[in-house]
């Protein structure tokens, strides 16, 4: 049973790393969208070149942090492997 708990703890650690990477990638995409895409869209609006009066919405950044499992029994990983 103890071995199974260690294995599951390792899976949680791997999921947490994946979630952090996904959130970082999403936030980078939002930043690029806001700085580059919306800047160009605003130019179209200024020139009245949009056929639609509805503005393009801005996605929100994700600020939630992944909760760490804080237990002395948890295997510590370096974050470089599985």
C-alpha atoms as a PDB file:
ATOM      1  CA  UNK A   1       0.000   0.000   0.000  1.00  0.00           C
ATOM      2  CA  UNK A   2       2.814   2.400   0.845  1.00  0.00           C
ATOM      3  CA  UNK A   3       4.387   1.853  -2.560  1.00  0.00           C
ATOM      4  CA  UNK A   4       1.085   2.653  -4.231  1.00  0.00           C
ATOM      5  CA  UNK A   5       0.816   5.896  -2.288  1.00  0.00           C
ATOM      6  CA  UNK A   6       4.339   6.852  -3.371  1.00  0.00           C
ATOM      7  CA  UNK A   7       3.453   6.101  -6.987  1.00  0.00           C
ATOM      8  CA  UNK A   8       0.276   8.179  -6.741  1.00  0.00           C
ATOM      9  CA  UNK A   9       2.215  11.023  -5.151  1.00  0.00           C
ATOM     10  CA  UNK A  10       4.583  10.947  -8.111  1.00  0.00           C
ATOM     11  CA  UNK A  11       1.595  11.136 -10.468  1.00  0.00           C
ATOM     12  CA  UNK A  12       0.301  14.185  -8.583  1.00  0.00           C
ATOM     13  CA  UNK A  13       3.689  15.841  -8.921  1.00  0.00           C
ATOM     14  CA  UNK A  14       3.736  15.160 -12.662  1.00  0.00           C
ATOM     15  CA  UNK A  15       0.193  16.526 -13.069  1.00  0.00           C
ATOM     16  CA  UNK A  16       1.159  19.656 -11.147  1.00  0.00           C
ATOM     17  CA  UNK A  17       4.145  20.269 -13.424  1.00  0.00           C
ATOM     18  CA  UNK A  18       1.918  19.796 -16.468  1.00  0.00           C
ATOM     19  CA  UNK A  19      -0.679  22.217 -15.118  1.00  0.00           C
ATOM     20  CA  UNK A  20       1.993  24.844 -14.420  1.00  0.00           C
ATOM     21  CA  UNK A  21       3.323  24.472 -17.966  1.00  0.00           C
ATOM     22  CA  UNK A  22      -0.188  24.729 -19.423  1.00  0.00           C
ATOM     23  CA  UNK A  23      -0.975  27.866 -17.396  1.00  0.00           C
ATOM     24  CA  UNK A  24       2.345  29.451 -18.391  1.00  0.00           C
ATOM     25  CA  UNK A  25       1.669  28.701 -22.065  1.00  0.00           C
ATOM     26  CA  UNK A  26      -1.887  30.060 -21.806  1.00  0.00           C
ATOM     27  CA  UNK A  27      -0.709  33.260 -20.117  1.00  0.00           C
ATOM     28  CA  UNK A  28       1.983  33.722 -22.778  1.00  0.00           C
ATOM     29  CA  UNK A  29      -0.661  33.329 -25.470  1.00  0.00           C
ATOM     30  CA  UNK A  30      -2.917  35.871 -23.760  1.00  0.00           C
ATOM     31  CA  UNK A  31      -0.030  38.328 -23.531  1.00  0.00           C
ATOM     32  CA  UNK A  32       0.782  37.921 -27.210  1.00  0.00           C
ATOM     33  CA  UNK A  33      -2.890  38.302 -28.127  1.00  0.00           C
ATOM     34  CA  UNK A  34      -3.202  41.492 -26.095  1.00  0.00           C
ATOM     35  CA  UNK A  35       0.030  43.073 -27.343  1.00  0.00           C
ATOM     36  CA  UNK A  36      -0.055  42.074 -30.993  1.00  0.00           C
ATOM     37  CA  UNK A  37      -3.478  40.946 -32.176  1.00  0.00           C
ATOM     38  CA  UNK A  38      -5.635  43.444 -30.304  1.00  0.00           C
ATOM     39  CA  UNK A  39      -3.296  46.303 -31.258  1.00  0.00           C
ATOM     40  CA  UNK A  40      -3.966  45.533 -34.915  1.00  0.00           C
ATOM     41  CA  UNK A  41      -7.698  45.151 -34.264  1.00  0.00           C
ATOM     42  CA  UNK A  42      -7.781  48.604 -32.664  1.00  0.00           C
ATOM     43  CA  UNK A  43      -6.300  50.064 -35.844  1.00  0.00           C
ATOM     44  CA  UNK A  44      -9.190  48.583 -37.822  1.00  0.00           C
ATOM     45  CA  UNK A  45     -11.633  50.110 -35.342  1.00  0.00           C
ATOM     46  CA  UNK A  46      -9.933  53.529 -35.608  1.00  0.00           C
ATOM     47  CA  UNK A  47     -10.228  53.389 -39.392  1.00  0.00           C
ATOM     48  CA  UNK A  48     -13.881  52.297 -39.121  1.00  0.00           C
ATOM     49  CA  UNK A  49     -12.913  49.256 -41.166  1.00  0.00           C
ATOM     50  CA  UNK A  50     -14.895  46.821 -39.063  1.00  0.00           C
ATOM     51  CA  UNK A  51     -18.249  45.701 -40.366  1.00  0.00           C
ATOM     52  CA  UNK A  52     -19.297  44.685 -36.894  1.00  0.00           C
ATOM     53  CA  UNK A  53     -19.765  47.078 -33.992  1.00  0.00           C
ATOM     54  CA  UNK A  54     -19.053  44.360 -31.446  1.00  0.00           C
ATOM     55  CA  UNK A  55     -15.516  44.600 -30.088  1.00  0.00           C
ATOM     56  CA  UNK A  56     -13.143  41.670 -29.757  1.00  0.00           C
ATOM     57  CA  UNK A  57     -13.083  40.443 -26.165  1.00  0.00           C
ATOM     58  CA  UNK A  58      -9.899  39.992 -24.190  1.00  0.00           C
ATOM     59  CA  UNK A  59      -9.246  36.628 -22.493  1.00  0.00           C
ATOM     60  CA  UNK A  60      -8.336  36.735 -18.822  1.00  0.00           C
ATOM     61  CA  UNK A  61      -5.010  35.513 -17.518  1.00  0.00           C
ATOM     62  CA  UNK A  62      -5.069  32.590 -15.133  1.00  0.00           C
ATOM     63  CA  UNK A  63      -3.547  33.593 -11.827  1.00  0.00           C
ATOM     64  CA  UNK A  64      -4.357  30.486  -9.770  1.00  0.00           C
ATOM     65  CA  UNK A  65      -1.349  28.585  -8.540  1.00  0.00           C
ATOM     66  CA  UNK A  66      -1.135  24.811  -8.414  1.00  0.00           C
ATOM     67  CA  UNK A  67      -1.359  23.617  -4.825  1.00  0.00           C
ATOM     68  CA  UNK A  68       1.706  21.742  -3.648  1.00  0.00           C
ATOM     69  CA  UNK A  69       1.320  18.440  -1.830  1.00  0.00           C
ATOM     70  CA  UNK A  70       3.252  19.138   1.334  1.00  0.00           C
ATOM     71  CA  UNK A  71       4.024  15.853   3.037  1.00  0.00           C
ATOM     72  CA  UNK A  72       7.315  14.399   4.238  1.00  0.00           C
ATOM     73  CA  UNK A  73       6.359  11.095   2.622  1.00  0.00           C
ATOM     74  CA  UNK A  74       6.143  12.649  -0.853  1.00  0.00           C
ATOM     75  CA  UNK A  75       9.051  11.749  -3.104  1.00  0.00           C
ATOM     76  CA  UNK A  76      10.963  14.861  -4.072  1.00  0.00           C
ATOM     77  CA  UNK A  77      11.598  15.216  -7.777  1.00  0.00           C
ATOM     78  CA  UNK A  78      13.865  17.548  -9.655  1.00  0.00           C
ATOM     79  CA  UNK A  79      11.190  18.412 -12.210  1.00  0.00           C
ATOM     80  CA  UNK A  80      13.300  17.105 -15.085  1.00  0.00           C
ATOM     81  CA  UNK A  81      11.770  13.678 -15.583  1.00  0.00           C
ATOM     82  CA  UNK A  82       8.716  11.533 -15.042  1.00  0.00           C
END
